[in-house]
Amino acid sequence: MHTDERTVAGLRLLHGIFEQQARATPTAIALDVPPAREGEARRQLSYAEVNAAADAMANGLAAHIHGECVVAIGIVNRFVGRAPMG
């Protein structure tokens, strides 16, 4: 069973939906990150690149996890309280 076929309470899991999209369109842009500061370049990552990074992170975490558990990762918004550049 592929991870994208697993469900919780009848709902597909987000990482499975993402992995399915990465298999279907690996070179399509998954993330388009605007520059954080003036002079920095916009960064675009494909589904394959994001999925590879997520897999690497999951494999690194797996070495420290025993049994079933939930891992939450917070993403900090660096633009809170600042006007976005445009």
C-alpha atoms as a PDB file:
ATOM      1  CA  MET A   1       0.000   0.000   0.000  1.00  0.00           C
ATOM      2  CA  HIS A   2       1.326   3.423  -0.939  1.00  0.00           C
ATOM      3  CA  THR A   3       1.262   6.051   1.805  1.00  0.00           C
ATOM      4  CA  ASP A   4      -1.170   8.115  -0.285  1.00  0.00           C
ATOM      5  CA  GLU A   5      -3.722   5.300   0.026  1.00  0.00           C
ATOM      6  CA  ARG A   6      -3.833   5.518   3.829  1.00  0.00           C
ATOM      7  CA  THR A   7      -6.664   7.432   5.419  1.00  0.00           C
ATOM      8  CA  VAL A   8      -7.637   8.745   8.820  1.00  0.00           C
ATOM      9  CA  ALA A   9     -11.364   8.803   9.540  1.00  0.00           C
ATOM     10  CA  GLY A  10     -11.987   8.246   5.827  1.00  0.00           C
ATOM     11  CA  LEU A  11      -9.877  11.265   4.771  1.00  0.00           C
ATOM     12  CA  ARG A  12      -6.709  11.024   2.687  1.00  0.00           C
ATOM     13  CA  LEU A  13      -3.580  12.277   4.405  1.00  0.00           C
ATOM     14  CA  LEU A  14      -1.949  15.458   3.085  1.00  0.00           C
ATOM     15  CA  HIS A  15       1.495  13.935   2.590  1.00  0.00           C
ATOM     16  CA  GLY A  16      -0.060  11.165   0.504  1.00  0.00           C
ATOM     17  CA  ILE A  17      -1.840  13.657  -1.728  1.00  0.00           C
ATOM     18  CA  PHE A  18       1.442  15.554  -2.154  1.00  0.00           C
ATOM     19  CA  GLU A  19       3.382  12.357  -2.972  1.00  0.00           C
ATOM     20  CA  GLN A  20       0.759  11.444  -5.579  1.00  0.00           C
ATOM     21  CA  GLN A  21       1.157  14.871  -7.208  1.00  0.00           C
ATOM     22  CA  ALA A  22       4.964  14.530  -7.107  1.00  0.00           C
ATOM     23  CA  ARG A  23       4.728  11.225  -8.986  1.00  0.00           C
ATOM     24  CA  ALA A  24       2.299  12.679 -11.542  1.00  0.00           C
ATOM     25  CA  THR A  25       4.116  15.993 -12.191  1.00  0.00           C
ATOM     26  CA  PRO A  26       7.618  15.858 -10.666  1.00  0.00           C
ATOM     27  CA  THR A  27       8.974  18.895 -12.526  1.00  0.00           C
ATOM     28  CA  ALA A  28       5.982  21.174 -11.911  1.00  0.00           C
ATOM     29  CA  ILE A  29       6.474  24.059  -9.460  1.00  0.00           C
ATOM     30  CA  ALA A  30       5.257  23.107  -5.991  1.00  0.00           C
ATOM     31  CA  LEU A  31       6.594  26.094  -4.046  1.00  0.00           C
ATOM     32  CA  ASP A  32       7.145  29.618  -5.269  1.00  0.00           C
ATOM     33  CA  VAL A  33       8.857  31.568  -2.509  1.00  0.00           C
ATOM     34  CA  PRO A  34       9.169  35.329  -2.962  1.00  0.00           C
ATOM     35  CA  PRO A  35      12.364  37.006  -1.765  1.00  0.00           C
ATOM     36  CA  ALA A  36      12.479  37.659   1.972  1.00  0.00           C
ATOM     37  CA  ARG A  37      14.705  40.676   1.551  1.00  0.00           C
ATOM     38  CA  GLU A  38      15.374  43.125  -1.216  1.00  0.00           C
ATOM     39  CA  GLY A  39      18.125  41.842  -3.485  1.00  0.00           C
ATOM     40  CA  GLU A  40      17.378  38.175  -2.821  1.00  0.00           C
ATOM     41  CA  ALA A  41      16.128  35.964  -5.624  1.00  0.00           C
ATOM     42  CA  ARG A  42      12.723  34.316  -5.831  1.00  0.00           C
ATOM     43  CA  ARG A  43      13.042  30.579  -5.145  1.00  0.00           C
ATOM     44  CA  GLN A  44      11.005  27.936  -6.935  1.00  0.00           C
ATOM     45  CA  LEU A  45      11.024  24.255  -6.018  1.00  0.00           C
ATOM     46  CA  SER A  46       9.536  21.397  -8.006  1.00  0.00           C
ATOM     47  CA  TYR A  47       7.317  18.700  -6.525  1.00  0.00           C
ATOM     48  CA  ALA A  48      10.251  16.258  -6.850  1.00  0.00           C
ATOM     49  CA  GLU A  49      12.584  18.616  -4.926  1.00  0.00           C
ATOM     50  CA  VAL A  50      10.096  19.243  -2.116  1.00  0.00           C
ATOM     51  CA  ASN A  51       9.226  15.548  -1.886  1.00  0.00           C
ATOM     52  CA  ALA A  52      12.921  14.580  -1.718  1.00  0.00           C
ATOM     53  CA  ALA A  53      13.517  17.106   1.081  1.00  0.00           C
ATOM     54  CA  ALA A  54      10.449  15.842   2.967  1.00  0.00           C
ATOM     55  CA  ASP A  55      11.617  12.235   2.583  1.00  0.00           C
ATOM     56  CA  ALA A  56      15.084  13.159   3.895  1.00  0.00           C
ATOM     57  CA  MET A  57      13.536  14.906   6.898  1.00  0.00           C
ATOM     58  CA  ALA A  58      11.226  11.962   7.586  1.00  0.00           C
ATOM     59  CA  ASN A  59      14.118   9.495   7.375  1.00  0.00           C
ATOM     60  CA  GLY A  60      16.150  11.626   9.776  1.00  0.00           C
ATOM     61  CA  LEU A  61      13.273  11.778  12.239  1.00  0.00           C
ATOM     62  CA  ALA A  62      12.570   8.041  11.916  1.00  0.00           C
ATOM     63  CA  ALA A  63      15.881   7.233  13.590  1.00  0.00           C
ATOM     64  CA  HIS A  64      14.596   8.938  16.762  1.00  0.00           C
ATOM     65  CA  ILE A  65      11.001   7.684  16.773  1.00  0.00           C
ATOM     66  CA  HIS A  66       9.908   4.311  18.092  1.00  0.00           C
ATOM     67  CA  GLY A  67       6.376   3.107  17.375  1.00  0.00           C
ATOM     68  CA  GLU A  68       3.429   5.170  16.188  1.00  0.00           C
ATOM     69  CA  CYS A  69       3.488   8.874  16.942  1.00  0.00           C
ATOM     70  CA  VAL A  70       2.576  12.235  15.512  1.00  0.00           C
ATOM     71  CA  VAL A  71       5.271  14.690  14.524  1.00  0.00           C
ATOM     72  CA  ALA A  72       4.252  18.318  14.098  1.00  0.00           C
ATOM     73  CA  ILE A  73       6.472  20.801  12.335  1.00  0.00           C
ATOM     74  CA  GLY A  74       5.820  24.492  12.699  1.00  0.00           C
ATOM     75  CA  ILE A  75       6.552  26.933   9.915  1.00  0.00           C
ATOM     76  CA  VAL A  76       7.364  30.436  11.012  1.00  0.00           C
ATOM     77  CA  ASN A  77       6.006  33.284   8.921  1.00  0.00           C
ATOM     78  CA  ARG A  78       8.831  35.813   8.694  1.00  0.00           C
ATOM     79  CA  PHE A  79       6.433  38.434   7.332  1.00  0.00           C
ATOM     80  CA  VAL A  80       4.246  38.788  10.420  1.00  0.00           C
ATOM     81  CA  GLY A  81       3.975  42.475  11.162  1.00  0.00           C
ATOM     82  CA  ARG A  82       5.740  43.501   7.942  1.00  0.00           C
ATOM     83  CA  ALA A  83       4.296  44.560   4.648  1.00  0.00           C
ATOM     84  CA  PRO A  84       5.082  41.999   1.940  1.00  0.00           C
ATOM     85  CA  MET A  85       7.436  43.066  -0.819  1.00  0.00           C
ATOM     86  CA  GLY A  86       5.777  43.287  -4.150  1.00  0.00           C
END
